[in-house]
């Protein structure tokens, strides 16, 4: 199984986008397609993606969740992987994850570890990453869990990962480092500091879903 679509959302990310795309092209197992979703960039991110020979689709600026959903809709692979435009994959990222999906244990989504790095910053110790750049997931599982929440500009990947766990599908966490997460002044967590209340909203939603499941069913 190597029928993988790779989706790269980007917003004014030209500075690092080339490294991200090249890390996908350098995979030991080549994906079926790379779809860059330009989220209304005002730089030439879209032109750079096209110059590198990958598919690029554009939308009005609507945030990460909308860009991820757009990429899912425009892609065709039976498995889907995501990569933030400022991150880079390790060369065997897809190979390791595809081995798990093809194994005898029923697994529907695979995460892995990450290291954080940046200019004048030593690499962090490896840490488990339940984030899009670390994920490979079956398309049928994406459909079961549902789309990324477009109202959450900062926390939509976290909220989606929680719904993934709640769905009851098989989820694996590989011990290997699958990608390098770049720290820089334009990271979304720093730009949208005012949206950190999104995380509190995510907790509220989780508690409401749990309460709904505990409610007794009418006879």
N, C-alpha and C. Protein backbone atom coordinates (compact mmCIF):
# COMPACT_ATOMS: atom_id res chain seq x y z
N UNK A 1 0.85 -1.20 0.00
CA UNK A 1 0.00 0.00 0.00
C UNK A 1 0.88 1.24 0.00
N UNK A 2 0.88 1.99 -1.10
CA UNK A 2 1.58 3.27 -1.12
C UNK A 2 0.74 4.33 -1.81
N UNK A 3 -0.58 4.16 -1.73
CA UNK A 3 -1.52 5.08 -2.35
C UNK A 3 -1.77 6.25 -1.39
N UNK A 4 -0.76 7.10 -1.24
CA UNK A 4 -0.78 8.15 -0.22
C UNK A 4 -0.87 9.53 -0.87
N UNK A 5 -1.80 10.33 -0.38
CA UNK A 5 -1.86 11.75 -0.74
C UNK A 5 -1.24 12.55 0.40
N UNK A 6 -0.38 13.49 0.05
CA UNK A 6 0.25 14.37 1.04
C UNK A 6 -0.31 15.77 0.87
N UNK A 7 -0.82 16.34 1.95
CA UNK A 7 -1.44 17.65 1.91
C UNK A 7 -0.59 18.62 2.72
N UNK A 8 -0.21 19.73 2.10
CA UNK A 8 0.61 20.75 2.74
C UNK A 8 -0.14 22.07 2.71
N UNK A 9 -0.74 22.49 3.85
CA UNK A 9 -1.37 23.81 3.89
C UNK A 9 -0.29 24.89 4.08
N UNK A 10 -0.47 26.03 3.43
CA UNK A 10 0.54 27.08 3.56
C UNK A 10 -0.14 28.44 3.55
N UNK A 11 0.33 29.32 4.42
CA UNK A 11 -0.10 30.71 4.43
C UNK A 11 1.15 31.57 4.61
N UNK A 12 1.53 32.27 3.56
CA UNK A 12 2.73 33.11 3.57
C UNK A 12 3.94 32.34 4.11
N UNK A 13 4.10 31.12 3.60
CA UNK A 13 5.16 30.25 4.10
C UNK A 13 6.28 29.97 3.13
N UNK A 14 6.48 30.86 2.17
CA UNK A 14 7.48 30.60 1.13
C UNK A 14 8.87 30.32 1.71
N UNK A 15 9.19 30.95 2.81
CA UNK A 15 10.54 30.85 3.36
C UNK A 15 10.95 29.41 3.64
N UNK A 16 9.99 28.58 4.07
CA UNK A 16 10.32 27.20 4.45
C UNK A 16 9.66 26.16 3.56
N UNK A 17 8.77 26.59 2.68
CA UNK A 17 7.97 25.63 1.91
C UNK A 17 8.83 24.72 1.04
N UNK A 18 9.89 25.25 0.46
CA UNK A 18 10.75 24.43 -0.39
C UNK A 18 11.31 23.23 0.39
N UNK A 19 11.77 23.48 1.62
CA UNK A 19 12.32 22.40 2.44
C UNK A 19 11.25 21.35 2.73
N UNK A 20 10.02 21.80 3.01
CA UNK A 20 8.94 20.87 3.30
C UNK A 20 8.65 19.97 2.10
N UNK A 21 8.50 20.58 0.93
CA UNK A 21 8.18 19.79 -0.27
C UNK A 21 9.32 18.84 -0.60
N UNK A 22 10.54 19.30 -0.51
CA UNK A 22 11.68 18.43 -0.82
C UNK A 22 11.75 17.25 0.14
N UNK A 23 11.34 17.44 1.39
CA UNK A 23 11.37 16.31 2.33
C UNK A 23 10.34 15.25 1.97
N UNK A 24 9.27 15.65 1.29
CA UNK A 24 8.29 14.68 0.80
C UNK A 24 8.82 13.97 -0.45
N UNK A 25 9.41 14.75 -1.34
CA UNK A 25 9.95 14.16 -2.56
C UNK A 25 11.10 13.19 -2.27
N UNK A 26 11.75 13.35 -1.12
CA UNK A 26 12.89 12.50 -0.75
C UNK A 26 12.48 11.25 0.02
N UNK A 27 11.18 10.99 0.14
CA UNK A 27 10.73 9.82 0.89
C UNK A 27 11.19 8.52 0.24
N UNK A 28 11.48 7.53 1.07
CA UNK A 28 11.88 6.22 0.55
C UNK A 28 10.74 5.52 -0.17
N UNK A 29 9.51 5.89 0.16
CA UNK A 29 8.33 5.46 -0.60
C UNK A 29 7.66 6.72 -1.12
N UNK A 30 7.61 6.86 -2.43
CA UNK A 30 7.10 8.08 -3.05
C UNK A 30 5.58 8.09 -2.96
N UNK A 31 4.97 9.18 -2.48
CA UNK A 31 3.51 9.23 -2.40
C UNK A 31 2.87 9.37 -3.77
N UNK A 32 1.60 9.09 -3.81
CA UNK A 32 0.84 9.21 -5.07
C UNK A 32 0.80 10.66 -5.56
N UNK A 33 0.62 11.59 -4.62
CA UNK A 33 0.48 12.99 -5.01
C UNK A 33 0.83 13.89 -3.83
N UNK A 34 1.21 15.11 -4.15
CA UNK A 34 1.41 16.17 -3.16
C UNK A 34 0.48 17.30 -3.54
N UNK A 35 -0.37 17.69 -2.59
CA UNK A 35 -1.32 18.78 -2.82
C UNK A 35 -1.00 19.91 -1.84
N UNK A 36 -0.51 21.02 -2.36
CA UNK A 36 -0.29 22.21 -1.54
C UNK A 36 -1.56 23.04 -1.59
N UNK A 37 -2.06 23.44 -0.42
CA UNK A 37 -3.25 24.28 -0.34
C UNK A 37 -2.81 25.67 0.10
N UNK A 38 -2.87 26.62 -0.81
CA UNK A 38 -2.49 28.00 -0.51
C UNK A 38 -3.68 28.71 0.12
N UNK A 39 -3.53 29.05 1.40
CA UNK A 39 -4.62 29.63 2.18
C UNK A 39 -4.61 31.16 2.06
N UNK A 40 -4.73 31.64 0.83
CA UNK A 40 -4.80 33.09 0.62
C UNK A 40 -3.51 33.83 0.89
N UNK A 41 -2.38 33.20 0.59
CA UNK A 41 -1.08 33.84 0.84
C UNK A 41 -0.93 35.12 0.03
N UNK A 42 -0.20 36.08 0.60
CA UNK A 42 0.14 37.31 -0.13
C UNK A 42 1.57 37.28 -0.63
N UNK A 43 2.31 36.21 -0.32
CA UNK A 43 3.63 36.02 -0.90
C UNK A 43 3.49 35.08 -2.10
N UNK A 44 4.59 34.57 -2.61
CA UNK A 44 4.51 33.70 -3.80
C UNK A 44 4.64 32.23 -3.44
N UNK A 45 4.02 31.83 -2.32
CA UNK A 45 4.03 30.43 -1.92
C UNK A 45 3.47 29.53 -3.02
N UNK A 46 2.35 29.95 -3.61
CA UNK A 46 1.72 29.12 -4.64
C UNK A 46 2.62 28.95 -5.85
N UNK A 47 3.27 30.03 -6.28
CA UNK A 47 4.17 29.95 -7.44
C UNK A 47 5.34 29.02 -7.15
N UNK A 48 5.88 29.09 -5.94
CA UNK A 48 6.99 28.21 -5.57
C UNK A 48 6.57 26.75 -5.64
N UNK A 49 5.38 26.43 -5.11
CA UNK A 49 4.90 25.05 -5.14
C UNK A 49 4.77 24.55 -6.57
N UNK A 50 4.20 25.37 -7.42
CA UNK A 50 4.03 24.96 -8.82
C UNK A 50 5.38 24.82 -9.52
N UNK A 51 6.33 25.69 -9.20
CA UNK A 51 7.67 25.59 -9.79
C UNK A 51 8.35 24.28 -9.42
N UNK A 52 8.00 23.75 -8.25
CA UNK A 52 8.57 22.48 -7.80
C UNK A 52 7.81 21.28 -8.34
N UNK A 53 6.80 21.54 -9.16
CA UNK A 53 6.12 20.46 -9.87
C UNK A 53 5.03 19.76 -9.09
N UNK A 54 4.51 20.38 -8.04
CA UNK A 54 3.44 19.74 -7.27
C UNK A 54 2.13 20.48 -7.51
N UNK A 55 1.03 19.79 -7.25
CA UNK A 55 -0.29 20.39 -7.39
C UNK A 55 -0.49 21.46 -6.34
N UNK A 56 -1.03 22.60 -6.75
CA UNK A 56 -1.32 23.66 -5.79
C UNK A 56 -2.72 24.18 -6.05
N UNK A 57 -3.55 24.16 -5.00
CA UNK A 57 -4.90 24.72 -5.08
C UNK A 57 -4.98 25.89 -4.12
N UNK A 58 -5.82 26.85 -4.42
CA UNK A 58 -5.89 28.07 -3.62
C UNK A 58 -7.29 28.29 -3.07
N UNK A 59 -7.33 29.00 -1.94
CA UNK A 59 -8.60 29.39 -1.34
C UNK A 59 -8.42 30.76 -0.70
N UNK A 60 -9.54 31.44 -0.42
CA UNK A 60 -9.46 32.66 0.36
C UNK A 60 -8.98 32.30 1.77
N UNK A 61 -8.27 33.22 2.41
CA UNK A 61 -7.70 32.92 3.73
C UNK A 61 -8.79 32.52 4.71
N UNK A 62 -8.73 31.28 5.18
CA UNK A 62 -9.76 30.76 6.08
C UNK A 62 -9.19 29.95 7.22
N UNK A 63 -7.87 29.81 7.29
CA UNK A 63 -7.26 29.11 8.41
C UNK A 63 -6.86 27.68 8.10
N UNK A 64 -6.13 27.10 9.05
CA UNK A 64 -5.55 25.78 8.86
C UNK A 64 -6.61 24.70 8.65
N UNK A 65 -7.66 24.72 9.46
CA UNK A 65 -8.68 23.69 9.35
C UNK A 65 -9.32 23.66 7.98
N UNK A 66 -9.68 24.84 7.47
CA UNK A 66 -10.28 24.92 6.15
C UNK A 66 -9.32 24.45 5.06
N UNK A 67 -8.03 24.81 5.21
CA UNK A 67 -7.03 24.38 4.22
C UNK A 67 -6.87 22.86 4.23
N UNK A 68 -6.83 22.26 5.41
CA UNK A 68 -6.71 20.81 5.50
C UNK A 68 -7.93 20.12 4.87
N UNK A 69 -9.12 20.64 5.17
CA UNK A 69 -10.33 20.06 4.59
C UNK A 69 -10.35 20.19 3.07
N UNK A 70 -9.89 21.33 2.58
CA UNK A 70 -9.83 21.56 1.13
C UNK A 70 -8.88 20.55 0.49
N UNK A 71 -7.73 20.34 1.12
CA UNK A 71 -6.77 19.38 0.59
C UNK A 71 -7.31 17.97 0.58
N UNK A 72 -8.01 17.58 1.62
CA UNK A 72 -8.61 16.25 1.67
C UNK A 72 -9.60 16.08 0.52
N UNK A 73 -10.43 17.10 0.29
CA UNK A 73 -11.44 17.02 -0.77
C UNK A 73 -10.81 16.96 -2.16
N UNK A 74 -9.65 17.59 -2.34
CA UNK A 74 -9.02 17.64 -3.65
C UNK A 74 -8.05 16.49 -3.91
N UNK A 75 -7.80 15.67 -2.90
CA UNK A 75 -6.84 14.56 -3.05
C UNK A 75 -7.58 13.25 -3.29
N UNK A 76 -6.82 12.21 -3.68
CA UNK A 76 -7.45 10.96 -4.10
C UNK A 76 -6.91 9.70 -3.42
N UNK A 77 -5.82 9.78 -2.71
CA UNK A 77 -5.21 8.60 -2.14
C UNK A 77 -6.08 7.91 -1.10
N UNK A 78 -5.89 6.62 -0.94
CA UNK A 78 -6.64 5.86 0.06
C UNK A 78 -6.10 6.09 1.47
N UNK A 79 -4.89 6.67 1.56
CA UNK A 79 -4.33 7.11 2.83
C UNK A 79 -3.87 8.55 2.66
N UNK A 80 -3.92 9.31 3.75
CA UNK A 80 -3.63 10.75 3.68
C UNK A 80 -2.62 11.11 4.77
N UNK A 81 -1.65 11.92 4.38
CA UNK A 81 -0.66 12.45 5.32
C UNK A 81 -0.65 13.96 5.19
N UNK A 82 -0.24 14.63 6.24
CA UNK A 82 -0.22 16.09 6.26
C UNK A 82 1.19 16.57 6.66
N UNK A 83 1.54 17.75 6.18
CA UNK A 83 2.82 18.34 6.56
C UNK A 83 2.66 19.84 6.62
N UNK A 84 2.95 20.43 7.79
CA UNK A 84 2.96 21.88 7.89
C UNK A 84 4.08 22.43 7.01
N UNK A 85 3.85 23.59 6.44
CA UNK A 85 4.77 24.14 5.45
C UNK A 85 6.13 24.53 6.03
N UNK A 86 6.24 24.59 7.35
CA UNK A 86 7.52 24.92 7.97
C UNK A 86 8.19 23.72 8.64
N UNK A 87 7.61 22.54 8.49
CA UNK A 87 8.20 21.32 9.06
C UNK A 87 8.86 20.49 7.96
N UNK A 88 9.65 19.51 8.37
CA UNK A 88 10.26 18.59 7.40
C UNK A 88 10.15 17.17 7.92
N UNK A 89 9.89 16.24 7.00
CA UNK A 89 9.81 14.82 7.34
C UNK A 89 11.18 14.17 7.33
N UNK A 90 11.33 13.13 8.14
CA UNK A 90 12.46 12.24 8.01
C UNK A 90 12.25 11.38 6.76
N UNK A 91 13.31 10.94 6.09
CA UNK A 91 13.16 10.27 4.79
C UNK A 91 12.31 9.00 4.83
N UNK A 92 12.27 8.30 5.96
CA UNK A 92 11.52 7.04 6.02
C UNK A 92 10.18 7.20 6.74
N UNK A 93 9.69 8.39 6.84
CA UNK A 93 8.44 8.65 7.56
C UNK A 93 7.29 7.81 7.02
N UNK A 94 7.02 7.93 5.74
CA UNK A 94 5.90 7.19 5.15
C UNK A 94 6.15 5.69 5.16
N UNK A 95 7.38 5.28 4.91
CA UNK A 95 7.69 3.85 4.89
C UNK A 95 7.36 3.19 6.21
N UNK A 96 7.78 3.80 7.31
CA UNK A 96 7.51 3.24 8.63
C UNK A 96 6.02 3.17 8.92
N UNK A 97 5.30 4.20 8.55
CA UNK A 97 3.87 4.22 8.84
C UNK A 97 3.07 3.27 7.95
N UNK A 98 3.48 3.17 6.70
CA UNK A 98 2.79 2.24 5.80
C UNK A 98 2.98 0.79 6.24
N UNK A 99 4.13 0.47 6.80
CA UNK A 99 4.35 -0.87 7.33
C UNK A 99 3.34 -1.20 8.41
N UNK A 100 3.01 -0.21 9.24
CA UNK A 100 2.04 -0.44 10.31
C UNK A 100 0.64 -0.63 9.73
N UNK A 101 0.25 0.21 8.78
CA UNK A 101 -1.08 0.07 8.18
C UNK A 101 -1.24 -1.25 7.45
N UNK A 102 -0.14 -1.78 6.92
CA UNK A 102 -0.20 -3.04 6.17
C UNK A 102 -0.04 -4.26 7.07
N UNK A 103 0.18 -4.08 8.36
CA UNK A 103 0.43 -5.19 9.27
C UNK A 103 -0.82 -5.96 9.63
N UNK A 104 -0.63 -6.99 10.42
CA UNK A 104 -1.74 -7.87 10.79
C UNK A 104 -2.64 -7.27 11.87
N UNK A 105 -2.12 -6.31 12.64
CA UNK A 105 -2.93 -5.64 13.67
C UNK A 105 -3.75 -4.54 13.00
N UNK A 106 -5.07 -4.50 13.24
CA UNK A 106 -5.89 -3.49 12.58
C UNK A 106 -5.61 -2.08 13.10
N UNK A 107 -4.94 -1.28 12.30
CA UNK A 107 -4.59 0.09 12.65
C UNK A 107 -5.13 1.00 11.54
N UNK A 108 -5.70 2.11 11.95
CA UNK A 108 -6.31 3.04 11.00
C UNK A 108 -5.56 4.37 10.91
N UNK A 109 -4.80 4.71 11.93
CA UNK A 109 -4.07 5.97 11.95
C UNK A 109 -2.76 5.77 12.71
N UNK A 110 -1.69 6.37 12.20
CA UNK A 110 -0.37 6.20 12.80
C UNK A 110 0.26 7.57 13.03
N UNK A 111 0.67 7.82 14.28
CA UNK A 111 1.45 8.99 14.63
C UNK A 111 2.90 8.56 14.90
N UNK A 112 3.74 9.51 15.22
CA UNK A 112 5.12 9.21 15.57
C UNK A 112 5.70 10.32 16.42
N UNK A 113 7.00 10.23 16.68
CA UNK A 113 7.68 11.23 17.50
C UNK A 113 8.24 12.35 16.63
N UNK A 114 8.52 13.47 17.28
CA UNK A 114 9.08 14.64 16.61
C UNK A 114 10.19 15.24 17.45
N UNK A 115 11.07 15.97 16.80
CA UNK A 115 12.02 16.83 17.51
C UNK A 115 11.76 18.26 17.05
N UNK A 116 11.92 19.20 17.96
CA UNK A 116 11.77 20.61 17.62
C UNK A 116 13.16 21.21 17.38
N UNK A 117 13.23 22.12 16.40
CA UNK A 117 14.51 22.74 16.09
C UNK A 117 14.25 24.16 15.61
N UNK A 118 15.31 24.92 15.54
CA UNK A 118 15.20 26.29 15.04
C UNK A 118 16.56 26.93 14.98
N UNK A 119 16.60 28.14 14.48
CA UNK A 119 17.86 28.86 14.39
C UNK A 119 18.41 29.12 15.80
N UNK A 120 19.66 28.75 15.99
CA UNK A 120 20.34 28.95 17.28
C UNK A 120 19.65 28.21 18.42
N UNK A 121 18.88 27.14 18.08
CA UNK A 121 18.20 26.34 19.10
C UNK A 121 18.64 24.89 18.93
N UNK A 122 19.12 24.28 20.00
CA UNK A 122 19.49 22.86 19.94
C UNK A 122 18.24 22.01 19.76
N UNK A 123 18.39 20.88 19.05
CA UNK A 123 17.25 19.98 18.88
C UNK A 123 16.71 19.54 20.23
N UNK A 124 15.40 19.51 20.34
CA UNK A 124 14.77 19.04 21.57
C UNK A 124 14.87 17.52 21.65
N UNK A 125 14.67 16.94 22.83
CA UNK A 125 14.53 15.49 22.90
C UNK A 125 13.31 15.04 22.11
N UNK A 126 13.31 13.82 21.57
CA UNK A 126 12.12 13.32 20.85
C UNK A 126 10.90 13.32 21.75
N UNK A 127 9.77 13.66 21.17
CA UNK A 127 8.51 13.69 21.93
C UNK A 127 7.39 13.14 21.06
N UNK A 128 6.42 12.44 21.68
CA UNK A 128 5.29 11.96 20.90
C UNK A 128 4.50 13.14 20.35
N UNK A 129 4.09 13.04 19.09
CA UNK A 129 3.41 14.15 18.42
C UNK A 129 2.09 13.68 17.84
N UNK A 130 1.00 14.15 18.41
CA UNK A 130 -0.32 13.88 17.85
C UNK A 130 -0.76 15.10 17.05
N UNK A 131 0.04 15.41 16.06
CA UNK A 131 -0.15 16.58 15.22
C UNK A 131 -0.18 16.16 13.75
N UNK A 132 -0.74 16.98 12.87
CA UNK A 132 -0.87 16.57 11.48
C UNK A 132 0.43 16.14 10.82
N UNK A 133 1.54 16.82 11.08
CA UNK A 133 2.80 16.47 10.41
C UNK A 133 3.29 15.08 10.78
N UNK A 134 2.79 14.53 11.88
CA UNK A 134 3.21 13.20 12.33
C UNK A 134 2.23 12.11 11.96
N UNK A 135 1.18 12.43 11.23
CA UNK A 135 0.06 11.52 11.02
C UNK A 135 0.04 10.90 9.62
N UNK A 136 -0.32 9.63 9.57
CA UNK A 136 -0.78 8.97 8.34
C UNK A 136 -2.08 8.27 8.70
N UNK A 137 -3.13 8.50 7.92
CA UNK A 137 -4.45 8.01 8.27
C UNK A 137 -5.17 7.51 7.04
N UNK A 138 -5.95 6.45 7.21
CA UNK A 138 -6.77 5.96 6.10
C UNK A 138 -7.87 6.98 5.78
N UNK A 139 -8.18 7.12 4.49
CA UNK A 139 -9.21 8.08 4.10
C UNK A 139 -10.57 7.72 4.72
N UNK A 140 -10.88 6.44 4.79
CA UNK A 140 -12.16 6.05 5.38
C UNK A 140 -12.24 6.47 6.83
N UNK A 141 -11.09 6.51 7.51
CA UNK A 141 -11.06 6.95 8.90
C UNK A 141 -11.27 8.45 8.99
N UNK A 142 -10.67 9.20 8.07
CA UNK A 142 -10.93 10.64 8.01
C UNK A 142 -12.42 10.91 7.88
N UNK A 143 -13.07 10.15 7.03
CA UNK A 143 -14.50 10.35 6.81
C UNK A 143 -15.29 9.98 8.06
N UNK A 144 -14.84 8.98 8.78
CA UNK A 144 -15.54 8.56 9.99
C UNK A 144 -15.40 9.60 11.10
N UNK A 145 -14.21 10.14 11.27
CA UNK A 145 -13.96 11.11 12.35
C UNK A 145 -14.58 12.46 12.02
N UNK A 146 -14.59 12.82 10.73
CA UNK A 146 -15.16 14.08 10.33
C UNK A 146 -14.10 15.13 10.03
N UNK A 147 -14.50 16.27 9.49
CA UNK A 147 -13.55 17.28 9.06
C UNK A 147 -12.89 18.00 10.23
N UNK A 148 -11.82 18.71 9.92
CA UNK A 148 -11.19 19.58 10.89
C UNK A 148 -12.13 20.76 11.17
N UNK A 149 -12.14 21.21 12.41
CA UNK A 149 -13.05 22.28 12.83
C UNK A 149 -12.51 23.62 12.34
N UNK A 150 -13.24 24.28 11.47
CA UNK A 150 -12.75 25.54 10.89
C UNK A 150 -12.94 26.73 11.82
N UNK A 151 -13.68 26.55 12.92
CA UNK A 151 -13.86 27.65 13.87
C UNK A 151 -12.67 27.79 14.80
N UNK A 152 -11.85 26.74 14.91
CA UNK A 152 -10.70 26.76 15.80
C UNK A 152 -9.45 27.08 15.00
N UNK A 153 -9.01 28.31 15.04
CA UNK A 153 -7.84 28.71 14.25
C UNK A 153 -6.56 28.14 14.84
N UNK A 154 -6.49 27.96 16.15
CA UNK A 154 -5.25 27.52 16.79
C UNK A 154 -5.27 26.04 17.15
N UNK A 155 -6.39 25.53 17.62
CA UNK A 155 -6.42 24.19 18.18
C UNK A 155 -7.08 23.12 17.35
N UNK A 156 -7.36 23.39 16.06
CA UNK A 156 -8.12 22.40 15.29
C UNK A 156 -7.43 21.05 15.18
N UNK A 157 -6.08 20.95 15.05
CA UNK A 157 -5.46 19.61 15.00
C UNK A 157 -5.62 18.84 16.31
N UNK A 158 -5.56 19.56 17.43
CA UNK A 158 -5.71 18.90 18.73
C UNK A 158 -7.13 18.39 18.89
N UNK A 159 -8.10 19.22 18.53
CA UNK A 159 -9.50 18.81 18.64
C UNK A 159 -9.79 17.61 17.76
N UNK A 160 -9.22 17.59 16.54
CA UNK A 160 -9.45 16.46 15.64
C UNK A 160 -8.83 15.19 16.21
N UNK A 161 -7.63 15.28 16.78
CA UNK A 161 -6.96 14.11 17.35
C UNK A 161 -7.77 13.53 18.51
N UNK A 162 -8.43 14.39 19.28
CA UNK A 162 -9.28 13.91 20.37
C UNK A 162 -10.47 13.13 19.80
N UNK A 163 -11.08 13.66 18.75
CA UNK A 163 -12.20 12.95 18.13
C UNK A 163 -11.74 11.63 17.51
N UNK A 164 -10.53 11.61 16.99
CA UNK A 164 -9.98 10.36 16.46
C UNK A 164 -9.91 9.30 17.55
N UNK A 165 -9.39 9.66 18.71
CA UNK A 165 -9.31 8.70 19.83
C UNK A 165 -10.69 8.26 20.27
N UNK A 166 -11.64 9.17 20.29
CA UNK A 166 -12.99 8.85 20.74
C UNK A 166 -13.74 7.96 19.76
N UNK A 167 -13.31 7.95 18.50
CA UNK A 167 -14.02 7.19 17.47
C UNK A 167 -13.85 5.68 17.63
N UNK A 168 -12.85 5.26 18.39
CA UNK A 168 -12.65 3.83 18.62
C UNK A 168 -11.86 3.12 17.55
N UNK A 169 -11.28 3.84 16.60
CA UNK A 169 -10.47 3.20 15.57
C UNK A 169 -9.10 2.85 16.14
N UNK A 170 -8.36 2.01 15.42
CA UNK A 170 -7.03 1.62 15.86
C UNK A 170 -6.03 2.73 15.60
N UNK A 171 -5.36 3.20 16.64
CA UNK A 171 -4.37 4.29 16.53
C UNK A 171 -3.04 3.80 17.10
N UNK A 172 -1.97 4.02 16.36
CA UNK A 172 -0.64 3.62 16.80
C UNK A 172 0.25 4.84 16.95
N UNK A 173 1.20 4.76 17.89
CA UNK A 173 2.21 5.80 18.08
C UNK A 173 3.58 5.14 17.91
N UNK A 174 4.26 5.46 16.83
CA UNK A 174 5.59 4.88 16.59
C UNK A 174 6.63 5.55 17.49
N UNK A 175 7.63 4.79 17.94
CA UNK A 175 8.68 5.38 18.78
C UNK A 175 9.72 6.17 18.00
N UNK A 176 9.75 6.00 16.69
CA UNK A 176 10.76 6.68 15.89
C UNK A 176 10.39 8.15 15.66
N UNK A 177 11.42 8.96 15.47
CA UNK A 177 11.23 10.36 15.08
C UNK A 177 10.84 10.39 13.60
N UNK A 178 9.66 10.94 13.31
CA UNK A 178 9.15 10.97 11.94
C UNK A 178 9.29 12.34 11.29
N UNK A 179 9.39 13.39 12.10
CA UNK A 179 9.54 14.71 11.50
C UNK A 179 10.21 15.68 12.46
N UNK A 180 10.69 16.78 11.86
CA UNK A 180 11.31 17.86 12.61
C UNK A 180 10.39 19.07 12.56
N UNK A 181 10.02 19.55 13.74
CA UNK A 181 9.08 20.67 13.86
C UNK A 181 9.88 21.95 14.08
N UNK A 182 9.74 22.86 13.13
CA UNK A 182 10.55 24.08 13.15
C UNK A 182 9.91 25.13 14.06
N UNK A 183 10.73 25.71 14.93
CA UNK A 183 10.30 26.82 15.78
C UNK A 183 10.83 28.13 15.19
N UNK A 184 9.95 29.10 15.03
CA UNK A 184 10.36 30.40 14.49
C UNK A 184 9.34 31.45 14.89
N UNK A 185 9.62 32.68 14.58
CA UNK A 185 8.76 33.78 15.03
C UNK A 185 7.39 33.81 14.42
N UNK A 186 7.18 33.07 13.32
CA UNK A 186 5.89 33.08 12.65
C UNK A 186 5.05 31.84 12.92
N UNK A 187 5.44 31.00 13.89
CA UNK A 187 4.61 29.85 14.24
C UNK A 187 3.21 30.32 14.61
N UNK A 188 2.21 29.54 14.22
CA UNK A 188 0.82 29.96 14.44
C UNK A 188 0.51 30.16 15.91
N UNK A 189 1.13 29.38 16.80
CA UNK A 189 0.88 29.53 18.22
C UNK A 189 1.33 30.87 18.76
N UNK A 190 2.32 31.47 18.10
CA UNK A 190 2.80 32.79 18.51
C UNK A 190 1.99 33.89 17.85
N UNK A 191 1.63 33.68 16.58
CA UNK A 191 0.86 34.69 15.86
C UNK A 191 -0.53 34.83 16.46
N UNK A 192 -1.16 33.70 16.77
CA UNK A 192 -2.53 33.69 17.26
C UNK A 192 -2.59 33.47 18.77
N UNK A 193 -1.73 34.16 19.50
CA UNK A 193 -1.71 33.99 20.95
C UNK A 193 -3.07 34.32 21.56
N UNK A 194 -3.79 35.26 20.91
CA UNK A 194 -5.09 35.67 21.43
C UNK A 194 -6.13 34.57 21.28
N UNK A 195 -5.83 33.53 20.48
CA UNK A 195 -6.78 32.45 20.25
C UNK A 195 -6.51 31.24 21.14
N UNK A 196 -5.67 31.40 22.16
CA UNK A 196 -5.37 30.26 23.01
C UNK A 196 -6.57 29.79 23.81
N UNK A 197 -7.61 30.62 23.85
CA UNK A 197 -8.87 30.19 24.44
C UNK A 197 -9.50 29.05 23.68
N UNK A 198 -9.03 28.82 22.44
CA UNK A 198 -9.51 27.67 21.68
C UNK A 198 -9.32 26.38 22.44
N UNK A 199 -8.22 26.27 23.18
CA UNK A 199 -7.94 25.02 23.89
C UNK A 199 -8.97 24.79 25.00
N UNK A 200 -9.40 25.86 25.65
CA UNK A 200 -10.45 25.72 26.66
C UNK A 200 -11.75 25.28 26.01
N UNK A 201 -12.02 25.82 24.84
CA UNK A 201 -13.23 25.42 24.10
C UNK A 201 -13.16 23.95 23.73
N UNK A 202 -11.98 23.46 23.36
CA UNK A 202 -11.82 22.04 23.02
C UNK A 202 -12.16 21.16 24.21
N UNK A 203 -11.71 21.55 25.41
CA UNK A 203 -12.00 20.78 26.62
C UNK A 203 -13.51 20.77 26.88
N UNK A 204 -14.15 21.92 26.71
CA UNK A 204 -15.60 21.99 26.92
C UNK A 204 -16.34 21.05 25.97
N UNK A 205 -15.90 21.03 24.71
CA UNK A 205 -16.55 20.17 23.72
C UNK A 205 -16.39 18.70 24.09
N UNK A 206 -15.21 18.35 24.52
CA UNK A 206 -14.95 16.96 24.91
C UNK A 206 -15.85 16.56 26.09
N UNK A 207 -15.98 17.44 27.06
CA UNK A 207 -16.81 17.15 28.23
C UNK A 207 -18.28 17.03 27.83
N UNK A 208 -18.73 17.87 26.91
CA UNK A 208 -20.13 17.77 26.45
C UNK A 208 -20.39 16.46 25.74
N UNK A 209 -19.43 16.03 24.90
CA UNK A 209 -19.62 14.74 24.21
C UNK A 209 -19.65 13.59 25.21
N UNK A 210 -18.77 13.66 26.21
CA UNK A 210 -18.75 12.60 27.23
C UNK A 210 -20.06 12.57 28.01
N UNK A 211 -20.61 13.75 28.33
CA UNK A 211 -21.87 13.80 29.07
C UNK A 211 -23.01 13.24 28.23
N UNK A 212 -22.99 13.52 26.93
CA UNK A 212 -24.02 12.99 26.04
C UNK A 212 -24.00 11.47 26.00
N UNK A 213 -22.79 10.89 26.00
CA UNK A 213 -22.67 9.44 25.97
C UNK A 213 -23.18 8.80 27.26
N UNK A 214 -23.10 9.55 28.39
CA UNK A 214 -23.52 9.00 29.68
C UNK A 214 -25.03 9.14 29.90
N UNK A 215 -25.68 9.96 29.08
CA UNK A 215 -27.11 10.16 29.28
C UNK A 215 -27.87 8.86 29.01
N UNK A 216 -28.83 8.50 29.89
CA UNK A 216 -29.59 7.27 29.66
C UNK A 216 -30.48 7.40 28.42
N UNK A 217 -30.55 6.32 27.69
CA UNK A 217 -31.37 6.32 26.48
C UNK A 217 -32.83 6.12 26.84
N UNK A 218 -33.72 6.82 26.11
CA UNK A 218 -35.15 6.68 26.36
C UNK A 218 -35.63 5.29 25.94
N UNK A 219 -36.54 4.74 26.70
CA UNK A 219 -37.08 3.42 26.39
C UNK A 219 -38.01 3.50 25.20
